[in-house]
C-alpha atoms as a PDB file:
ATOM      1  CA  MET A   1       4.432  43.903  86.977  1.00  0.00           C
ATOM      2  CA  GLY A   2       3.652  41.601  89.618  1.00  0.00           C
ATOM      3  CA  PHE A   3       6.415  39.509  91.271  1.00  0.00           C
ATOM      4  CA  LEU A   4       6.403  36.411  89.553  1.00  0.00           C
ATOM      5  CA  ALA A   5       6.356  37.868  86.401  1.00  0.00           C
ATOM      6  CA  PHE A   6       9.648  39.976  87.457  1.00  0.00           C
ATOM      7  CA  LEU A   7      11.341  36.473  88.495  1.00  0.00           C
ATOM      8  CA  ILE A   8      10.329  35.088  84.943  1.00  0.00           C
ATOM      9  CA  LEU A   9      11.623  38.008  83.004  1.00  0.00           C
ATOM     10  CA  GLY A  10      15.234  37.950  85.394  1.00  0.00           C
ATOM     11  CA  LEU A  11      15.305  34.511  84.496  1.00  0.00           C
ATOM     12  CA  ILE A  12      14.813  35.254  80.699  1.00  0.00           C
ATOM     13  CA  ALA A  13      16.873  37.829  80.506  1.00  0.00           C
ATOM     14  CA  GLY A  14      19.381  36.328  82.679  1.00  0.00           C
ATOM     15  CA  ALA A  15      19.247  33.273  80.092  1.00  0.00           C
ATOM     16  CA  ILE A  16      19.559  35.592  76.940  1.00  0.00           C
ATOM     17  CA  ALA A  17      22.826  37.127  78.227  1.00  0.00           C
ATOM     18  CA  LYS A  18      24.449  34.531  78.992  1.00  0.00           C
ATOM     19  CA  ALA A  19      23.967  33.082  75.263  1.00  0.00           C
ATOM     20  CA  ILE A  20      24.961  36.354  74.038  1.00  0.00           C
ATOM     21  CA  LEU A  21      28.359  36.617  76.102  1.00  0.00           C
ATOM     22  CA  PRO A  22      31.328  34.597  74.887  1.00  0.00           C
ATOM     23  CA  GLY A  23      32.873  32.028  77.131  1.00  0.00           C
ATOM     24  CA  ARG A  24      31.317  29.790  79.893  1.00  0.00           C
ATOM     25  CA  GLN A  25      29.993  31.559  82.566  1.00  0.00           C
ATOM     26  CA  GLY A  26      29.930  29.782  85.429  1.00  0.00           C
ATOM     27  CA  GLY A  27      26.415  28.974  87.744  1.00  0.00           C
ATOM     28  CA  GLY A  28      23.079  27.194  87.596  1.00  0.00           C
ATOM     29  CA  LEU A  29      19.603  28.052  87.015  1.00  0.00           C
ATOM     30  CA  LEU A  30      19.764  29.814  90.539  1.00  0.00           C
ATOM     31  CA  MET A  31      22.608  31.777  89.886  1.00  0.00           C
ATOM     32  CA  THR A  32      20.766  32.855  85.971  1.00  0.00           C
ATOM     33  CA  LEU A  33      18.266  33.792  88.573  1.00  0.00           C
ATOM     34  CA  VAL A  34      19.237  35.917  90.571  1.00  0.00           C
ATOM     35  CA  LEU A  35      21.682  37.460  87.932  1.00  0.00           C
ATOM     36  CA  GLY A  36      18.716  38.124  85.527  1.00  0.00           C
ATOM     37  CA  VAL A  37      16.640  39.919  88.515  1.00  0.00           C
ATOM     38  CA  VAL A  38      19.478  41.970  89.566  1.00  0.00           C
ATOM     39  CA  GLY A  39      20.321  42.948  86.027  1.00  0.00           C
ATOM     40  CA  ALA A  40      16.139  43.550  85.394  1.00  0.00           C
ATOM     41  CA  LEU A  41      16.681  45.651  88.327  1.00  0.00           C
ATOM     42  CA  LEU A  42      19.797  47.969  87.182  1.00  0.00           C
ATOM     43  CA  GLY A  43      18.641  48.079  83.532  1.00  0.00           C
ATOM     44  CA  GLY A  44      14.992  49.231  84.330  1.00  0.00           C
ATOM     45  CA  TRP A  45      16.892  51.999  87.224  1.00  0.00           C
ATOM     46  CA  ILE A  46      19.206  52.654  84.070  1.00  0.00           C
ATOM     47  CA  GLY A  47      16.599  53.341  81.917  1.00  0.00           C
ATOM     48  CA  SER A  48      14.303  55.109  84.484  1.00  0.00           C
ATOM     49  CA  ALA A  49      17.282  57.340  84.771  1.00  0.00           C
ATOM     50  CA  LEU A  50      18.433  57.980  81.521  1.00  0.00           C
ATOM     51  CA  PHE A  51      15.281  57.605  78.924  1.00  0.00           C
ATOM     52  CA  GLY A  52      12.532  58.129  80.860  1.00  0.00           C
ATOM     53  CA  VAL A  53      11.531  54.329  80.540  1.00  0.00           C
ATOM     54  CA  GLY A  54      11.410  51.396  83.230  1.00  0.00           C
ATOM     55  CA  ILE A  55       9.890  48.394  83.583  1.00  0.00           C
ATOM     56  CA  ASN A  56       6.452  48.436  83.641  1.00  0.00           C
ATOM     57  CA  GLU A  57       5.491  45.877  81.752  1.00  0.00           C
ATOM     58  CA  PHE A  58       5.803  42.308  80.478  1.00  0.00           C
ATOM     59  CA  PHE A  59       5.427  41.992  77.143  1.00  0.00           C
ATOM     60  CA  SER A  60       6.968  45.516  76.252  1.00  0.00           C
ATOM     61  CA  LEU A  61      10.020  45.454  74.233  1.00  0.00           C
ATOM     62  CA  SER A  62      11.427  47.998  76.016  1.00  0.00           C
ATOM     63  CA  THR A  63      11.074  46.008  78.787  1.00  0.00           C
ATOM     64  CA  TRP A  64      12.956  43.081  77.491  1.00  0.00           C
ATOM     65  CA  LEU A  65      15.810  45.458  76.262  1.00  0.00           C
ATOM     66  CA  LEU A  66      16.404  47.063  79.403  1.00  0.00           C
ATOM     67  CA  ALA A  67      16.082  43.772  81.463  1.00  0.00           C
ATOM     68  CA  ILE A  68      18.342  41.903  79.436  1.00  0.00           C
ATOM     69  CA  GLY A  69      21.161  45.219  79.106  1.00  0.00           C
ATOM     70  CA  GLY A  70      21.411  44.977  82.482  1.00  0.00           C
ATOM     71  CA  ALA A  71      21.575  41.390  82.818  1.00  0.00           C
ATOM     72  CA  ILE A  72      24.515  41.696  80.649  1.00  0.00           C
ATOM     73  CA  ILE A  73      26.459  44.294  82.546  1.00  0.00           C
ATOM     74  CA  VAL A  74      25.853  42.016  86.090  1.00  0.00           C
ATOM     75  CA  LEU A  75      27.153  39.161  84.293  1.00  0.00           C
ATOM     76  CA  LEU A  76      30.142  41.053  83.162  1.00  0.00           C
ATOM     77  CA  ILE A  77      30.522  42.388  86.280  1.00  0.00           C
ATOM     78  CA  TYR A  78      30.082  39.078  87.784  1.00  0.00           C
ATOM     79  CA  GLY A  79      32.483  37.308  85.563  1.00  0.00           C
ATOM     80  CA  MET A  80      35.422  40.112  86.544  1.00  0.00           C
ATOM     81  CA  VAL A  81      34.920  39.156  90.319  1.00  0.00           C
ATOM     82  CA  THR A  82      34.545  35.442  89.733  1.00  0.00           C
ATOM     83  CA  ARG A  83      37.672  35.165  87.578  1.00  0.00           C
ATOM     84  CA  ARG A  84      40.469  33.182  88.671  1.00  0.00           C
ATOM     85  CA  SER A  85      43.930  34.339  86.895  1.00  0.00           C
ATOM     86  CA  VAL A  86      45.367  31.892  84.962  1.00  0.00           C
ATOM     87  CA  ARG A  87      48.941  31.020  84.623  1.00  0.00           C
END
């Protein structure tokens, strides 16, 4: 998969992860892209380590599921790190 395809995958996976998770997440388009790409990398690494399936093809269901799952994990971690204490 090419670099541009990976960026598009990360952007879409990040947007889907933000739509799936409840609440308001901060960050705009650039943060969605960064979190999505990091999530796609994490999902590909987890998929390769656990299932022997990586992120190889853009139009593969396993690629999208791994990327979205990784983006959800990264978004949860990002939310915990940037969460402000509410009094």
